[in-house]
Amino acid sequence: MGGTLVQDEEAIKRIEELIVSDRASTMLVCIQGTREGEPCGEIYNCYLREPVLFNGAGDMVLKLDEMCNWVGAPQSTTDYRFLNREMERQYREDSAHHPQVSRDNLVYSIDRIPFQHALKAREVLIAIVKYRQNSTLQGSIRGRLTKSMDVNFRSALELMRMMQMMEIA
């Protein structure tokens, strides 16, 4: 019982941080559990209508990057590379027709964050993507596992390693 109360208090802190922040690149990552040893859950942003599901650390990082594209912040300093022109065409076509891409969907509303759902997550993190330089992400994460301290990551690979090493209670 005491562990659940502490976990709820930590989740509430992460939610409050999201409310105070007005940065489009601030994401609430709710880890619901693990699947084949990888974290899985959903990512919320108060500018997007729907949460974005992820399954694994690599998928989470790719989704964070896509979400930054959708909300327009932070801007990437490089263009994506592809193995061939067909893959590039397919990626651009799929990205352009994604429902989250519509600028009509980008309306700031903290009500889009389902706080009760976040309180039920096994782990809640605030991920702030500060830069997207050199075809990767730079930013910080904060949560119970970081003892409420900002832990910076210099690349998507570094963030993936951090996420894979997490022990989900």
Protein backbone atom coordinates (compact mmCIF):
# COMPACT_ATOMS: atom_id res chain seq x y z
CA MET A 1 0.00 0.00 0.00
CA GLY A 2 2.78 2.46 0.93
CA GLY A 3 4.58 1.78 -2.35
CA THR A 4 1.48 2.60 -4.36
CA LEU A 5 1.01 5.90 -2.52
CA VAL A 6 4.62 6.92 -3.20
CA GLN A 7 4.24 5.92 -6.85
CA ASP A 8 1.03 7.98 -7.13
CA GLU A 9 2.74 11.00 -5.56
CA GLU A 10 5.58 10.71 -8.08
CA ALA A 11 3.12 10.41 -10.97
CA ILE A 12 1.28 13.49 -9.72
CA LYS A 13 4.59 15.41 -9.67
CA ARG A 14 5.24 14.46 -13.33
CA ILE A 15 1.72 15.54 -14.28
CA GLU A 16 2.12 18.87 -12.48
CA GLU A 17 5.40 19.45 -14.35
CA LEU A 18 3.58 18.91 -17.62
CA ILE A 19 0.88 21.41 -16.65
CA VAL A 20 3.43 24.09 -15.76
CA SER A 21 5.36 23.56 -18.99
CA ASP A 22 4.05 25.09 -22.19
CA ARG A 23 6.61 23.45 -24.40
CA ALA A 24 5.34 21.48 -27.34
CA SER A 25 8.32 19.14 -27.02
CA THR A 26 7.43 18.06 -23.48
CA MET A 27 5.98 14.56 -23.44
CA LEU A 28 4.40 12.49 -20.69
CA VAL A 29 5.62 8.90 -21.05
CA CYS A 30 3.43 6.37 -19.24
CA ILE A 31 5.04 2.97 -19.02
CA GLN A 32 2.35 0.38 -18.41
CA GLY A 33 4.65 -2.62 -18.24
CA THR A 34 7.04 -4.66 -20.29
CA ARG A 35 6.64 -6.91 -23.30
CA GLU A 36 9.50 -9.33 -23.99
CA GLY A 37 11.65 -7.33 -21.56
CA GLU A 38 11.00 -4.00 -23.30
CA PRO A 39 9.01 -1.08 -21.84
CA CYS A 40 5.60 -0.48 -23.42
CA GLY A 41 2.93 2.13 -22.90
CA GLU A 42 1.82 5.44 -24.35
CA ILE A 43 3.14 8.95 -24.82
CA TYR A 44 0.96 12.02 -24.31
CA ASN A 45 1.41 15.56 -25.51
CA CYS A 46 -1.07 18.30 -24.71
CA TYR A 47 -1.05 19.44 -28.37
CA LEU A 48 -2.09 16.06 -29.79
CA ARG A 49 -5.59 14.63 -29.63
CA GLU A 50 -4.59 11.00 -29.12
CA PRO A 51 -1.85 9.25 -27.17
CA VAL A 52 0.86 7.51 -29.15
CA LEU A 53 1.42 3.86 -28.24
CA PHE A 54 4.92 2.41 -28.11
CA ASN A 55 6.27 -1.09 -27.71
CA GLY A 56 9.96 -1.10 -26.82
CA ALA A 57 12.65 1.49 -26.18
CA GLY A 58 13.51 1.87 -29.86
CA ASP A 59 9.88 2.35 -30.83
CA MET A 60 9.45 4.92 -28.05
CA VAL A 61 12.39 6.98 -29.35
CA LEU A 62 11.09 6.86 -32.93
CA LYS A 63 7.63 7.92 -31.72
CA LEU A 64 9.09 10.83 -29.72
CA ASP A 65 10.84 11.99 -32.90
CA GLU A 66 7.63 11.69 -34.96
CA MET A 67 5.67 13.58 -32.31
CA CYS A 68 8.20 16.41 -32.52
CA ASN A 69 7.55 16.51 -36.28
CA TRP A 70 3.80 16.66 -35.70
CA VAL A 71 3.93 19.52 -33.19
CA GLY A 72 6.74 21.30 -35.03
CA ALA A 73 9.18 21.55 -32.13
CA PRO A 74 12.06 21.30 -31.84
CA GLN A 75 12.91 21.51 -35.51
CA SER A 76 15.25 18.87 -36.89
CA THR A 77 18.56 20.21 -38.21
CA THR A 78 18.95 17.46 -40.82
CA ASP A 79 16.77 15.65 -43.33
CA TYR A 80 16.08 11.95 -42.96
CA ARG A 81 18.12 9.53 -45.04
CA PHE A 82 16.75 6.44 -46.73
CA LEU A 83 18.21 3.34 -48.30
CA ASN A 84 16.51 4.09 -51.62
CA ARG A 85 14.07 6.53 -53.23
CA GLU A 86 11.12 4.15 -52.92
CA MET A 87 11.57 3.95 -49.13
CA GLU A 88 11.76 7.74 -48.96
CA ARG A 89 8.61 8.11 -51.06
CA GLN A 90 6.75 5.58 -48.90
CA TYR A 91 7.87 7.25 -45.65
CA ARG A 92 6.83 10.71 -46.82
CA GLU A 93 3.49 9.44 -48.09
CA ASP A 94 2.72 7.60 -44.84
CA SER A 95 3.81 10.58 -42.73
CA ALA A 96 1.75 13.09 -44.69
CA HIS A 97 -1.46 11.11 -44.22
CA HIS A 98 -1.05 10.35 -40.53
CA PRO A 99 -4.09 11.65 -38.56
CA GLN A 100 -1.91 13.48 -36.03
CA VAL A 101 -0.27 15.57 -38.78
CA SER A 102 -3.32 17.80 -39.34
CA ARG A 103 -2.65 21.31 -38.08
CA ASP A 104 -6.31 21.39 -37.01
CA ASN A 105 -5.41 18.81 -34.36
CA LEU A 106 -2.70 20.98 -32.83
CA VAL A 107 -4.69 22.76 -30.17
CA TYR A 108 -3.18 23.19 -26.74
CA SER A 109 -5.32 21.54 -24.10
CA ILE A 110 -4.07 20.07 -20.86
CA ASP A 111 -7.42 18.25 -20.76
CA ARG A 112 -6.03 15.90 -23.41
CA ILE A 113 -3.90 14.23 -20.75
CA PRO A 114 -5.87 11.47 -18.99
CA PHE A 115 -4.50 11.97 -15.51
CA GLN A 116 -6.29 8.98 -13.98
CA HIS A 117 -4.77 6.75 -16.65
CA ALA A 118 -1.31 8.18 -15.90
CA LEU A 119 -1.75 7.43 -12.20
CA LYS A 120 -2.29 3.76 -13.04
CA ALA A 121 0.98 3.50 -15.01
CA ARG A 122 3.86 1.55 -13.51
CA GLU A 123 6.22 4.41 -14.29
CA VAL A 124 5.61 7.99 -15.40
CA LEU A 125 8.38 10.06 -16.96
CA ILE A 126 8.57 13.54 -18.34
CA ALA A 127 10.63 13.54 -21.53
CA ILE A 128 11.74 16.90 -22.83
CA VAL A 129 13.22 16.90 -26.31
CA LYS A 130 15.39 20.02 -26.34
CA TYR A 131 17.17 19.57 -29.67
CA ARG A 132 17.14 17.35 -32.74
CA GLN A 133 20.66 17.80 -34.06
CA ASN A 134 22.81 15.42 -36.09
CA SER A 135 19.83 13.17 -36.88
CA THR A 136 19.19 12.29 -33.24
CA LEU A 137 17.45 13.57 -30.10
CA GLN A 138 18.92 15.49 -27.19
CA GLY A 139 17.00 16.28 -24.04
CA SER A 140 16.22 15.07 -20.55
CA ILE A 141 13.98 12.70 -18.66
CA ARG A 142 12.72 12.94 -15.10
CA GLY A 143 10.72 10.62 -12.91
CA ARG A 144 10.71 8.43 -9.83
CA LEU A 145 13.59 6.33 -11.17
CA THR A 146 15.72 9.46 -11.59
CA LYS A 147 14.80 10.58 -8.06
CA SER A 148 13.08 13.62 -9.63
CA MET A 149 16.39 14.81 -11.06
CA ASP A 150 16.79 15.71 -14.73
CA VAL A 151 18.89 13.08 -16.48
CA ASN A 152 20.18 14.35 -19.80
CA PHE A 153 20.58 12.21 -22.90
CA ARG A 154 22.82 13.18 -25.80
CA SER A 155 21.38 10.82 -28.38
CA ALA A 156 18.48 8.54 -29.11
CA LEU A 157 20.79 5.58 -28.57
CA GLU A 158 21.67 6.82 -25.09
CA LEU A 159 17.97 7.26 -24.24
CA MET A 160 17.22 3.76 -25.55
CA ARG A 161 19.91 2.29 -23.30
CA MET A 162 18.52 4.15 -20.30
CA MET A 163 15.01 2.89 -21.01
CA GLN A 164 16.11 -0.71 -21.52
CA MET A 165 17.97 -0.71 -18.21
CA MET A 166 14.94 0.50 -16.25
CA GLU A 167 13.49 -1.90 -13.76
CA ILE A 168 9.72 -1.60 -14.07
CA ALA A 169 8.10 -2.35 -10.73
